[in-house]
Amino acid sequence: MGRNRRRTAGRVEGAGPVFDAQVPFGEGGAIDPSDEEAASMAFNRQQIRESIERAGDEHWQALIRHHEDAYPESRPTPGDVARAEAERLNGLGLGDDPNLTLVESRVDRVEPAVRITHVIEDREKGTRFETEPFTGYE
């Protein structure tokens, strides 16, 4: 930030008008972005990518090789796979439970597809479980 500018929670002052970082949310008015994140517990592409990386670099590299080794054919990019996995997990209802945390996501190549298994922690029960391995993304 430049000189004479001060950043406060959700605001930048000293750079012209003060803008409040409130986000419209339905008819109930605006909420703070932190409240919006809490209200939206569904998994997203970035969380899946981070989960794959937590499993180890070889898992993210497996997705990259799956995409690149198919050349000149076209397979989904690692980002496409992460987005689709977020949608799949949310479709199973796993993204809606605030007690569940995505620990890691393991990727194995099984030509011409990949097999993905997610490790999820249930904080309420103090247990971990694995999703049924999903094979696809040819």
C-alpha atoms as a PDB file:
ATOM      1  CA  MET A   1       0.000   0.000   0.000  1.00  0.00           C
ATOM      2  CA  GLY A   2       1.136   3.485  -0.773  1.00  0.00           C
ATOM      3  CA  ARG A   3       1.917   6.208   1.675  1.00  0.00           C
ATOM      4  CA  ASN A   4      -1.013   7.795   3.526  1.00  0.00           C
ATOM      5  CA  ARG A   5      -3.203   4.778   2.911  1.00  0.00           C
ATOM      6  CA  ARG A   6      -4.506   2.747   5.759  1.00  0.00           C
ATOM      7  CA  ARG A   7      -6.143  -0.648   5.484  1.00  0.00           C
ATOM      8  CA  THR A   8      -8.806  -1.526   7.995  1.00  0.00           C
ATOM      9  CA  ALA A   9     -11.040  -4.573   8.110  1.00  0.00           C
ATOM     10  CA  GLY A  10     -12.507  -4.655   4.618  1.00  0.00           C
ATOM     11  CA  ARG A  11     -11.683  -1.010   3.829  1.00  0.00           C
ATOM     12  CA  VAL A  12      -8.913   0.988   2.195  1.00  0.00           C
ATOM     13  CA  GLU A  13      -8.760   4.599   3.315  1.00  0.00           C
ATOM     14  CA  GLY A  14      -6.692   7.470   1.926  1.00  0.00           C
ATOM     15  CA  ALA A  15      -7.147   6.381  -1.692  1.00  0.00           C
ATOM     16  CA  GLY A  16     -10.265   8.320  -2.626  1.00  0.00           C
ATOM     17  CA  PRO A  17     -13.673   7.096  -1.503  1.00  0.00           C
ATOM     18  CA  VAL A  18     -13.884   4.487   1.252  1.00  0.00           C
ATOM     19  CA  PHE A  19     -15.352   1.248  -0.017  1.00  0.00           C
ATOM     20  CA  ASP A  20     -16.869  -1.259   2.369  1.00  0.00           C
ATOM     21  CA  ALA A  21     -16.229  -4.910   1.507  1.00  0.00           C
ATOM     22  CA  GLN A  22     -19.798  -5.977   2.094  1.00  0.00           C
ATOM     23  CA  VAL A  23     -21.337  -8.494  -0.273  1.00  0.00           C
ATOM     24  CA  PRO A  24     -25.051  -8.486  -1.154  1.00  0.00           C
ATOM     25  CA  PHE A  25     -26.765 -11.630   0.073  1.00  0.00           C
ATOM     26  CA  GLY A  26     -30.419 -12.158  -0.734  1.00  0.00           C
ATOM     27  CA  GLU A  27     -33.156  -9.972   0.668  1.00  0.00           C
ATOM     28  CA  GLY A  28     -31.602  -9.908   4.128  1.00  0.00           C
ATOM     29  CA  GLY A  29     -29.079  -7.237   3.143  1.00  0.00           C
ATOM     30  CA  ALA A  30     -25.313  -7.486   3.138  1.00  0.00           C
ATOM     31  CA  ILE A  31     -22.986  -9.744   5.059  1.00  0.00           C
ATOM     32  CA  ASP A  32     -19.254  -9.636   5.658  1.00  0.00           C
ATOM     33  CA  PRO A  33     -17.181 -11.846   3.312  1.00  0.00           C
ATOM     34  CA  SER A  34     -16.062 -13.951   6.298  1.00  0.00           C
ATOM     35  CA  ASP A  35     -19.713 -14.715   7.066  1.00  0.00           C
ATOM     36  CA  GLU A  36     -20.311 -15.597   3.422  1.00  0.00           C
ATOM     37  CA  GLU A  37     -17.459 -18.126   3.508  1.00  0.00           C
ATOM     38  CA  ALA A  38     -18.903 -19.702   6.635  1.00  0.00           C
ATOM     39  CA  ALA A  39     -22.331 -19.888   5.017  1.00  0.00           C
ATOM     40  CA  SER A  40     -20.875 -21.582   1.929  1.00  0.00           C
ATOM     41  CA  MET A  41     -19.242 -24.794   3.117  1.00  0.00           C
ATOM     42  CA  ALA A  42     -19.172 -26.529  -0.290  1.00  0.00           C
ATOM     43  CA  PHE A  43     -15.818 -27.700  -1.629  1.00  0.00           C
ATOM     44  CA  ASN A  44     -14.256 -25.738  -4.497  1.00  0.00           C
ATOM     45  CA  ARG A  45     -11.550 -26.367  -7.080  1.00  0.00           C
ATOM     46  CA  GLN A  46      -8.825 -24.686  -5.025  1.00  0.00           C
ATOM     47  CA  GLN A  47      -9.562 -26.794  -1.935  1.00  0.00           C
ATOM     48  CA  ILE A  48      -9.362 -29.985  -3.997  1.00  0.00           C
ATOM     49  CA  ARG A  49      -6.061 -28.877  -5.546  1.00  0.00           C
ATOM     50  CA  GLU A  50      -4.618 -28.118  -2.097  1.00  0.00           C
ATOM     51  CA  SER A  51      -5.847 -31.484  -0.848  1.00  0.00           C
ATOM     52  CA  ILE A  52      -4.123 -33.279  -3.734  1.00  0.00           C
ATOM     53  CA  GLU A  53      -0.918 -31.359  -3.018  1.00  0.00           C
ATOM     54  CA  ARG A  54      -1.118 -32.336   0.688  1.00  0.00           C
ATOM     55  CA  ALA A  55      -1.066 -35.982  -0.396  1.00  0.00           C
ATOM     56  CA  GLY A  56       2.334 -35.326  -1.972  1.00  0.00           C
ATOM     57  CA  ASP A  57       3.752 -33.814  -5.127  1.00  0.00           C
ATOM     58  CA  GLU A  58       3.526 -37.144  -6.955  1.00  0.00           C
ATOM     59  CA  HIS A  59      -0.284 -36.961  -6.819  1.00  0.00           C
ATOM     60  CA  TRP A  60      -0.503 -33.529  -8.478  1.00  0.00           C
ATOM     61  CA  GLN A  61       2.182 -34.633 -10.967  1.00  0.00           C
ATOM     62  CA  ALA A  62       0.053 -37.694 -11.795  1.00  0.00           C
ATOM     63  CA  LEU A  63      -2.774 -35.348 -12.854  1.00  0.00           C
ATOM     64  CA  ILE A  64      -0.388 -33.253 -14.931  1.00  0.00           C
ATOM     65  CA  ARG A  65       1.054 -36.334 -16.666  1.00  0.00           C
ATOM     66  CA  HIS A  66      -2.463 -37.716 -17.224  1.00  0.00           C
ATOM     67  CA  HIS A  67      -3.294 -34.540 -19.150  1.00  0.00           C
ATOM     68  CA  GLU A  68       0.022 -34.006 -20.964  1.00  0.00           C
ATOM     69  CA  ASP A  69       0.862 -37.613 -21.882  1.00  0.00           C
ATOM     70  CA  ALA A  70      -2.359 -37.895 -23.896  1.00  0.00           C
ATOM     71  CA  TYR A  71      -1.088 -35.355 -26.455  1.00  0.00           C
ATOM     72  CA  PRO A  72      -2.250 -34.917 -29.212  1.00  0.00           C
ATOM     73  CA  GLU A  73      -5.454 -36.253 -27.675  1.00  0.00           C
ATOM     74  CA  SER A  74      -7.151 -34.065 -25.108  1.00  0.00           C
ATOM     75  CA  ARG A  75      -7.810 -35.084 -21.522  1.00  0.00           C
ATOM     76  CA  PRO A  76      -9.116 -32.843 -18.732  1.00  0.00           C
ATOM     77  CA  THR A  77      -6.574 -30.463 -17.206  1.00  0.00           C
ATOM     78  CA  PRO A  78      -5.672 -30.875 -13.529  1.00  0.00           C
ATOM     79  CA  GLY A  79      -7.853 -27.829 -12.815  1.00  0.00           C
ATOM     80  CA  ASP A  80     -10.780 -29.402 -14.694  1.00  0.00           C
ATOM     81  CA  VAL A  81     -10.406 -32.584 -12.637  1.00  0.00           C
ATOM     82  CA  ALA A  82     -10.207 -30.615  -9.369  1.00  0.00           C
ATOM     83  CA  ARG A  83     -13.356 -28.670 -10.297  1.00  0.00           C
ATOM     84  CA  ALA A  84     -15.215 -31.849 -11.240  1.00  0.00           C
ATOM     85  CA  GLU A  85     -14.138 -33.554  -8.008  1.00  0.00           C
ATOM     86  CA  ALA A  86     -15.395 -30.580  -5.980  1.00  0.00           C
ATOM     87  CA  GLU A  87     -18.762 -30.888  -7.730  1.00  0.00           C
ATOM     88  CA  ARG A  88     -18.814 -34.659  -7.217  1.00  0.00           C
ATOM     89  CA  LEU A  89     -18.038 -34.421  -3.484  1.00  0.00           C
ATOM     90  CA  ASN A  90     -20.604 -31.645  -3.055  1.00  0.00           C
ATOM     91  CA  GLY A  91     -23.142 -33.790  -4.918  1.00  0.00           C
ATOM     92  CA  LEU A  92     -22.514 -36.527  -2.350  1.00  0.00           C
ATOM     93  CA  GLY A  93     -23.314 -34.010   0.400  1.00  0.00           C
ATOM     94  CA  LEU A  94     -19.794 -34.029   1.834  1.00  0.00           C
ATOM     95  CA  GLY A  95     -19.254 -30.300   1.296  1.00  0.00           C
ATOM     96  CA  ASP A  96     -22.350 -29.377   3.300  1.00  0.00           C
ATOM     97  CA  ASP A  97     -21.265 -30.899   6.612  1.00  0.00           C
ATOM     98  CA  PRO A  98     -19.305 -28.352   8.681  1.00  0.00           C
ATOM     99  CA  ASN A  99     -17.782 -31.202  10.732  1.00  0.00           C
ATOM    100  CA  LEU A 100     -15.971 -32.673   7.713  1.00  0.00           C
ATOM    101  CA  THR A 101     -12.504 -31.576   6.640  1.00  0.00           C
ATOM    102  CA  LEU A 102     -10.753 -32.669   3.462  1.00  0.00           C
ATOM    103  CA  VAL A 103      -7.403 -34.029   4.670  1.00  0.00           C
ATOM    104  CA  GLU A 104      -5.821 -35.198   1.412  1.00  0.00           C
ATOM    105  CA  SER A 105      -6.736 -36.516  -2.007  1.00  0.00           C
ATOM    106  CA  ARG A 106      -4.733 -39.312  -3.615  1.00  0.00           C
ATOM    107  CA  VAL A 107      -4.434 -39.659  -7.381  1.00  0.00           C
ATOM    108  CA  ASP A 108      -3.335 -42.853  -9.141  1.00  0.00           C
ATOM    109  CA  ARG A 109      -3.020 -43.270 -12.881  1.00  0.00           C
ATOM    110  CA  VAL A 110      -4.948 -46.230 -14.237  1.00  0.00           C
ATOM    111  CA  GLU A 111      -4.704 -45.753 -17.994  1.00  0.00           C
ATOM    112  CA  PRO A 112      -6.587 -44.308 -19.669  1.00  0.00           C
ATOM    113  CA  ALA A 113      -8.086 -42.752 -16.525  1.00  0.00           C
ATOM    114  CA  VAL A 114      -7.133 -41.681 -13.011  1.00  0.00           C
ATOM    115  CA  ARG A 115      -8.390 -43.054  -9.715  1.00  0.00           C
ATOM    116  CA  ILE A 116      -9.008 -40.517  -6.949  1.00  0.00           C
ATOM    117  CA  THR A 117      -9.552 -41.290  -3.274  1.00  0.00           C
ATOM    118  CA  HIS A 118     -10.245 -38.545  -0.749  1.00  0.00           C
ATOM    119  CA  VAL A 119      -9.356 -38.795   2.947  1.00  0.00           C
ATOM    120  CA  ILE A 120     -11.869 -36.896   5.070  1.00  0.00           C
ATOM    121  CA  GLU A 121     -11.787 -36.152   8.778  1.00  0.00           C
ATOM    122  CA  ASP A 122     -14.980 -36.025  10.814  1.00  0.00           C
ATOM    123  CA  ARG A 123     -14.027 -33.587  13.581  1.00  0.00           C
ATOM    124  CA  GLU A 124     -17.181 -34.306  15.572  1.00  0.00           C
ATOM    125  CA  LYS A 125     -16.421 -38.032  15.810  1.00  0.00           C
ATOM    126  CA  GLY A 126     -12.628 -37.661  15.782  1.00  0.00           C
ATOM    127  CA  THR A 127     -12.327 -40.165  12.919  1.00  0.00           C
ATOM    128  CA  ARG A 128     -11.048 -40.273   9.359  1.00  0.00           C
ATOM    129  CA  PHE A 129     -12.498 -42.133   6.411  1.00  0.00           C
ATOM    130  CA  GLU A 130     -11.771 -42.583   2.731  1.00  0.00           C
ATOM    131  CA  THR A 131     -14.241 -42.042  -0.047  1.00  0.00           C
ATOM    132  CA  GLU A 132     -14.918 -44.897  -2.419  1.00  0.00           C
ATOM    133  CA  PRO A 133     -12.194 -44.616  -5.097  1.00  0.00           C
ATOM    134  CA  PHE A 134     -13.514 -42.874  -8.212  1.00  0.00           C
ATOM    135  CA  THR A 135     -12.072 -43.784 -11.597  1.00  0.00           C
ATOM    136  CA  GLY A 136     -12.615 -41.533 -14.578  1.00  0.00           C
ATOM    137  CA  TYR A 137     -11.506 -38.398 -16.440  1.00  0.00           C
ATOM    138  CA  GLU A 138     -10.430 -40.215 -19.578  1.00  0.00           C
END
